[in-house]
Amino acid sequence: MHNQNLGKLGENIASEYLQNKGYLILETNFKANYGELDLITQENDTLVFVEVKTRIGNSFGEPEESILPHKMREVIKTAEFYMLKNNLSCDWRLDVIAICLRPDESLEEVEHFENVTL
């Protein structure tokens, strides 16, 4: 599967997972000069920026292990830009959703890491 298609599949799985947990999906694939936010969601009064990582199998490590510090800094800068652009002053956090698929691309596991920091 092409990386872009794999990413989109993962984002769709993550959206459904979060909606089932009561999150409201506000926006997907928000782009700015700093980077991109996969999902912008809301849980109660908290804005949640979600980075989604999807892998088929774990021969190259777990999905969440591929998020390097420079990527996290990009996500944080983009989230701060989103807040400024939309004149928001609410609580917010950064979450990571790691999705592991089987070789036939069926879902194996979804892990949700809340309030991730560098």
N, C-alpha and C. Protein backbone atom coordinates (compact mmCIF):
# COMPACT_ATOMS: atom_id res chain seq x y z
N MET A 1 0.85 -1.18 0.00
CA MET A 1 0.00 0.00 0.00
C MET A 1 0.89 1.23 0.00
N HIS A 2 0.56 2.21 -0.79
CA HIS A 2 1.29 3.48 -0.86
C HIS A 2 1.18 4.20 0.47
N ASN A 3 2.26 4.87 0.90
CA ASN A 3 2.30 5.54 2.20
C ASN A 3 1.16 6.53 2.40
N GLN A 4 0.82 7.27 1.34
CA GLN A 4 -0.25 8.26 1.45
C GLN A 4 -1.59 7.58 1.71
N ASN A 5 -1.84 6.46 1.02
CA ASN A 5 -3.08 5.71 1.23
C ASN A 5 -3.10 5.09 2.63
N LEU A 6 -1.95 4.60 3.07
CA LEU A 6 -1.84 4.01 4.40
C LEU A 6 -2.13 5.08 5.46
N GLY A 7 -1.59 6.26 5.26
CA GLY A 7 -1.84 7.36 6.19
C GLY A 7 -3.30 7.74 6.25
N LYS A 8 -3.94 7.82 5.10
CA LYS A 8 -5.37 8.16 5.05
C LYS A 8 -6.21 7.09 5.74
N LEU A 9 -5.88 5.81 5.50
CA LEU A 9 -6.58 4.72 6.16
C LEU A 9 -6.43 4.85 7.67
N GLY A 10 -5.21 5.11 8.14
CA GLY A 10 -4.97 5.29 9.56
C GLY A 10 -5.75 6.45 10.15
N GLU A 11 -5.80 7.56 9.43
CA GLU A 11 -6.55 8.73 9.91
C GLU A 11 -8.04 8.42 10.01
N ASN A 12 -8.57 7.65 9.06
CA ASN A 12 -9.97 7.26 9.11
C ASN A 12 -10.25 6.36 10.31
N ILE A 13 -9.34 5.41 10.56
CA ILE A 13 -9.49 4.52 11.72
C ILE A 13 -9.42 5.34 13.01
N ALA A 14 -8.47 6.27 13.08
CA ALA A 14 -8.31 7.11 14.27
C ALA A 14 -9.55 7.99 14.49
N SER A 15 -10.10 8.55 13.43
CA SER A 15 -11.30 9.39 13.55
C SER A 15 -12.46 8.59 14.14
N GLU A 16 -12.66 7.39 13.60
CA GLU A 16 -13.75 6.54 14.09
C GLU A 16 -13.51 6.15 15.55
N TYR A 17 -12.28 5.80 15.88
CA TYR A 17 -11.92 5.44 17.24
C TYR A 17 -12.23 6.59 18.20
N LEU A 18 -11.81 7.79 17.85
CA LEU A 18 -12.03 8.95 18.71
C LEU A 18 -13.51 9.30 18.83
N GLN A 19 -14.23 9.23 17.72
CA GLN A 19 -15.67 9.51 17.78
C GLN A 19 -16.37 8.52 18.71
N ASN A 20 -15.95 7.26 18.67
CA ASN A 20 -16.53 6.26 19.57
C ASN A 20 -16.23 6.55 21.03
N LYS A 21 -15.15 7.31 21.29
CA LYS A 21 -14.80 7.71 22.65
C LYS A 21 -15.45 9.04 23.04
N GLY A 22 -16.24 9.62 22.14
CA GLY A 22 -16.95 10.86 22.44
C GLY A 22 -16.28 12.13 21.97
N TYR A 23 -15.19 12.01 21.22
CA TYR A 23 -14.51 13.20 20.70
C TYR A 23 -15.29 13.74 19.50
N LEU A 24 -15.21 15.03 19.32
CA LEU A 24 -15.78 15.70 18.15
C LEU A 24 -14.65 15.98 17.18
N ILE A 25 -14.77 15.53 15.94
CA ILE A 25 -13.74 15.81 14.93
C ILE A 25 -14.03 17.18 14.34
N LEU A 26 -13.10 18.11 14.50
CA LEU A 26 -13.29 19.48 14.01
C LEU A 26 -12.67 19.68 12.63
N GLU A 27 -11.52 19.07 12.41
CA GLU A 27 -10.81 19.30 11.15
C GLU A 27 -9.82 18.17 10.90
N THR A 28 -9.56 17.89 9.63
CA THR A 28 -8.55 16.90 9.28
C THR A 28 -7.54 17.53 8.34
N ASN A 29 -6.31 17.09 8.45
CA ASN A 29 -5.23 17.51 7.57
C ASN A 29 -5.08 19.02 7.44
N PHE A 30 -5.02 19.70 8.58
CA PHE A 30 -4.79 21.14 8.59
C PHE A 30 -3.33 21.39 8.25
N LYS A 31 -3.10 22.21 7.23
CA LYS A 31 -1.73 22.49 6.78
C LYS A 31 -1.36 23.93 7.05
N ALA A 32 -0.11 24.12 7.44
CA ALA A 32 0.47 25.44 7.63
C ALA A 32 1.92 25.37 7.19
N ASN A 33 2.60 26.51 7.16
CA ASN A 33 4.01 26.53 6.76
C ASN A 33 4.87 25.64 7.65
N TYR A 34 4.46 25.49 8.91
CA TYR A 34 5.25 24.73 9.87
C TYR A 34 5.12 23.22 9.67
N GLY A 35 3.95 22.78 9.22
CA GLY A 35 3.69 21.35 9.10
C GLY A 35 2.21 21.08 8.93
N GLU A 36 1.81 19.89 9.34
CA GLU A 36 0.42 19.46 9.17
C GLU A 36 -0.07 18.81 10.45
N LEU A 37 -1.35 19.03 10.74
CA LEU A 37 -2.02 18.37 11.85
C LEU A 37 -2.96 17.34 11.26
N ASP A 38 -2.79 16.08 11.64
CA ASP A 38 -3.64 15.03 11.07
C ASP A 38 -5.10 15.22 11.46
N LEU A 39 -5.35 15.37 12.75
CA LEU A 39 -6.72 15.55 13.23
C LEU A 39 -6.75 16.64 14.29
N ILE A 40 -7.78 17.46 14.22
CA ILE A 40 -8.05 18.43 15.27
C ILE A 40 -9.40 18.04 15.84
N THR A 41 -9.40 17.73 17.13
CA THR A 41 -10.60 17.21 17.76
C THR A 41 -10.90 18.00 19.03
N GLN A 42 -12.05 17.70 19.59
CA GLN A 42 -12.41 18.32 20.86
C GLN A 42 -12.93 17.24 21.79
N GLU A 43 -12.39 17.23 23.01
CA GLU A 43 -12.88 16.36 24.07
C GLU A 43 -13.32 17.27 25.21
N ASN A 44 -14.61 17.31 25.45
CA ASN A 44 -15.19 18.23 26.43
C ASN A 44 -14.75 19.65 26.07
N ASP A 45 -14.06 20.35 26.96
CA ASP A 45 -13.64 21.74 26.69
C ASP A 45 -12.20 21.83 26.22
N THR A 46 -11.59 20.71 25.89
CA THR A 46 -10.18 20.68 25.50
C THR A 46 -10.03 20.41 24.01
N LEU A 47 -9.24 21.25 23.36
CA LEU A 47 -8.89 21.04 21.97
C LEU A 47 -7.75 20.01 21.93
N VAL A 48 -7.88 19.01 21.08
CA VAL A 48 -6.89 17.94 21.04
C VAL A 48 -6.35 17.83 19.61
N PHE A 49 -5.04 18.04 19.48
CA PHE A 49 -4.36 17.89 18.20
C PHE A 49 -3.79 16.48 18.17
N VAL A 50 -4.10 15.74 17.11
CA VAL A 50 -3.77 14.32 17.08
C VAL A 50 -2.84 14.01 15.91
N GLU A 51 -1.70 13.42 16.24
CA GLU A 51 -0.76 12.90 15.24
C GLU A 51 -1.05 11.41 15.12
N VAL A 52 -1.29 10.94 13.89
CA VAL A 52 -1.63 9.55 13.64
C VAL A 52 -0.45 8.87 12.93
N LYS A 53 -0.02 7.74 13.45
CA LYS A 53 1.02 6.95 12.81
C LYS A 53 0.49 5.55 12.57
N THR A 54 0.64 5.08 11.33
CA THR A 54 0.10 3.77 10.94
C THR A 54 1.21 2.94 10.33
N ARG A 55 1.25 1.68 10.72
CA ARG A 55 2.24 0.74 10.18
C ARG A 55 1.55 -0.59 9.88
N ILE A 56 2.06 -1.26 8.87
CA ILE A 56 1.66 -2.64 8.61
C ILE A 56 2.74 -3.51 9.24
N GLY A 57 2.35 -4.23 10.30
CA GLY A 57 3.33 -5.02 11.04
C GLY A 57 4.24 -4.13 11.85
N ASN A 58 5.17 -4.74 12.56
CA ASN A 58 6.09 -3.94 13.38
C ASN A 58 7.55 -4.30 13.12
N SER A 59 7.84 -4.77 11.91
CA SER A 59 9.23 -5.12 11.59
C SER A 59 10.15 -3.90 11.59
N PHE A 60 9.58 -2.70 11.45
CA PHE A 60 10.38 -1.48 11.51
C PHE A 60 10.14 -0.73 12.82
N GLY A 61 9.61 -1.43 13.81
CA GLY A 61 9.31 -0.82 15.10
C GLY A 61 7.84 -0.46 15.22
N GLU A 62 7.48 -0.05 16.41
CA GLU A 62 6.10 0.35 16.68
C GLU A 62 5.83 1.70 16.01
N PRO A 63 4.58 1.95 15.60
CA PRO A 63 4.26 3.20 14.89
C PRO A 63 4.69 4.45 15.66
N GLU A 64 4.43 4.47 16.96
CA GLU A 64 4.74 5.66 17.74
C GLU A 64 6.23 5.94 17.84
N GLU A 65 7.06 4.94 17.63
CA GLU A 65 8.51 5.12 17.69
C GLU A 65 9.04 5.94 16.52
N SER A 66 8.24 6.09 15.48
CA SER A 66 8.69 6.84 14.31
C SER A 66 8.47 8.34 14.44
N ILE A 67 7.87 8.78 15.55
CA ILE A 67 7.65 10.21 15.76
C ILE A 67 8.86 10.78 16.48
N LEU A 68 9.70 11.44 15.72
CA LEU A 68 10.95 11.99 16.25
C LEU A 68 10.72 13.37 16.85
N PRO A 69 11.62 13.82 17.73
CA PRO A 69 11.44 15.13 18.37
C PRO A 69 11.21 16.28 17.40
N HIS A 70 11.90 16.29 16.26
CA HIS A 70 11.68 17.41 15.32
C HIS A 70 10.26 17.39 14.77
N LYS A 71 9.68 16.21 14.59
CA LYS A 71 8.29 16.12 14.12
C LYS A 71 7.34 16.64 15.19
N MET A 72 7.61 16.31 16.44
CA MET A 72 6.77 16.80 17.53
C MET A 72 6.84 18.32 17.62
N ARG A 73 8.03 18.89 17.41
CA ARG A 73 8.16 20.36 17.43
C ARG A 73 7.34 20.98 16.30
N GLU A 74 7.36 20.36 15.12
CA GLU A 74 6.54 20.84 14.00
C GLU A 74 5.06 20.82 14.36
N VAL A 75 4.62 19.73 14.95
CA VAL A 75 3.21 19.59 15.32
C VAL A 75 2.83 20.65 16.35
N ILE A 76 3.69 20.87 17.34
CA ILE A 76 3.41 21.88 18.36
C ILE A 76 3.34 23.27 17.75
N LYS A 77 4.29 23.61 16.87
CA LYS A 77 4.27 24.92 16.20
C LYS A 77 2.99 25.09 15.38
N THR A 78 2.59 24.04 14.68
CA THR A 78 1.39 24.11 13.86
C THR A 78 0.15 24.25 14.73
N ALA A 79 0.12 23.55 15.86
CA ALA A 79 -1.01 23.67 16.78
C ALA A 79 -1.09 25.09 17.35
N GLU A 80 0.06 25.65 17.71
CA GLU A 80 0.08 27.03 18.22
C GLU A 80 -0.40 28.01 17.15
N PHE A 81 0.01 27.79 15.90
CA PHE A 81 -0.45 28.64 14.80
C PHE A 81 -1.96 28.52 14.64
N TYR A 82 -2.48 27.30 14.70
CA TYR A 82 -3.93 27.08 14.57
C TYR A 82 -4.68 27.85 15.66
N MET A 83 -4.18 27.79 16.88
CA MET A 83 -4.81 28.50 18.00
C MET A 83 -4.81 30.01 17.74
N LEU A 84 -3.67 30.53 17.30
CA LEU A 84 -3.55 31.97 17.02
C LEU A 84 -4.45 32.38 15.86
N LYS A 85 -4.40 31.62 14.78
CA LYS A 85 -5.19 31.92 13.58
C LYS A 85 -6.69 31.97 13.88
N ASN A 86 -7.12 31.10 14.77
CA ASN A 86 -8.54 31.01 15.09
C ASN A 86 -8.91 31.75 16.38
N ASN A 87 -7.95 32.52 16.90
CA ASN A 87 -8.17 33.35 18.09
C ASN A 87 -8.75 32.52 19.25
N LEU A 88 -8.12 31.38 19.50
CA LEU A 88 -8.58 30.47 20.55
C LEU A 88 -7.70 30.60 21.78
N SER A 89 -8.33 30.54 22.94
CA SER A 89 -7.55 30.61 24.19
C SER A 89 -8.08 29.55 25.17
N CYS A 90 -8.27 28.36 24.68
CA CYS A 90 -8.77 27.27 25.51
C CYS A 90 -7.64 26.29 25.84
N ASP A 91 -7.92 25.35 26.72
CA ASP A 91 -6.96 24.30 27.01
C ASP A 91 -6.76 23.44 25.78
N TRP A 92 -5.53 22.97 25.57
CA TRP A 92 -5.26 22.08 24.45
C TRP A 92 -4.15 21.12 24.82
N ARG A 93 -4.11 20.04 24.05
CA ARG A 93 -3.06 19.04 24.27
C ARG A 93 -2.76 18.34 22.95
N LEU A 94 -1.68 17.58 23.00
CA LEU A 94 -1.26 16.81 21.84
C LEU A 94 -1.36 15.32 22.17
N ASP A 95 -2.07 14.58 21.32
CA ASP A 95 -2.21 13.14 21.47
C ASP A 95 -1.58 12.45 20.27
N VAL A 96 -1.21 11.20 20.45
CA VAL A 96 -0.73 10.36 19.35
C VAL A 96 -1.60 9.11 19.31
N ILE A 97 -2.01 8.75 18.11
CA ILE A 97 -2.70 7.48 17.92
C ILE A 97 -1.82 6.62 17.02
N ALA A 98 -1.44 5.46 17.55
CA ALA A 98 -0.59 4.51 16.83
C ALA A 98 -1.47 3.34 16.38
N ILE A 99 -1.43 3.07 15.08
CA ILE A 99 -2.27 2.02 14.50
C ILE A 99 -1.38 0.98 13.85
N CYS A 100 -1.61 -0.26 14.23
CA CYS A 100 -0.87 -1.37 13.65
C CYS A 100 -1.86 -2.23 12.86
N LEU A 101 -1.53 -2.45 11.59
CA LEU A 101 -2.36 -3.26 10.72
C LEU A 101 -1.68 -4.60 10.45
N ARG A 102 -2.48 -5.60 10.17
CA ARG A 102 -1.95 -6.90 9.75
C ARG A 102 -1.55 -6.78 8.28
N PRO A 103 -0.78 -7.75 7.77
CA PRO A 103 -0.37 -7.71 6.36
C PRO A 103 -1.55 -7.63 5.37
N ASP A 104 -2.72 -8.14 5.76
CA ASP A 104 -3.90 -8.03 4.88
C ASP A 104 -4.62 -6.69 5.07
N GLU A 105 -4.01 -5.78 5.84
CA GLU A 105 -4.48 -4.43 6.11
C GLU A 105 -5.70 -4.37 7.02
N SER A 106 -6.01 -5.49 7.69
CA SER A 106 -7.06 -5.45 8.71
C SER A 106 -6.45 -4.91 10.00
N LEU A 107 -7.30 -4.36 10.82
CA LEU A 107 -6.84 -3.71 12.05
C LEU A 107 -6.34 -4.73 13.06
N GLU A 108 -5.15 -4.48 13.57
CA GLU A 108 -4.60 -5.32 14.63
C GLU A 108 -4.71 -4.63 15.98
N GLU A 109 -4.29 -3.34 16.03
CA GLU A 109 -4.26 -2.65 17.31
C GLU A 109 -4.30 -1.14 17.12
N VAL A 110 -5.00 -0.46 18.04
CA VAL A 110 -5.01 0.99 18.11
C VAL A 110 -4.56 1.36 19.53
N GLU A 111 -3.54 2.19 19.62
CA GLU A 111 -3.09 2.70 20.91
C GLU A 111 -3.23 4.21 20.92
N HIS A 112 -3.76 4.73 22.01
CA HIS A 112 -4.01 6.17 22.14
C HIS A 112 -3.14 6.69 23.28
N PHE A 113 -2.21 7.57 22.94
CA PHE A 113 -1.32 8.20 23.93
C PHE A 113 -1.79 9.63 24.11
N GLU A 114 -2.26 9.96 25.30
CA GLU A 114 -2.79 11.29 25.57
C GLU A 114 -1.74 12.20 26.18
N ASN A 115 -1.85 13.49 25.82
CA ASN A 115 -1.01 14.54 26.39
C ASN A 115 0.48 14.23 26.26
N VAL A 116 0.89 13.99 25.03
CA VAL A 116 2.28 13.66 24.72
C VAL A 116 3.14 14.93 24.79
N THR A 117 4.32 14.79 25.36
CA THR A 117 5.26 15.91 25.42
C THR A 117 6.60 15.47 24.85
N LEU A 118 7.45 16.44 24.58
CA LEU A 118 8.79 16.14 24.05
C LEU A 118 9.65 15.49 25.11
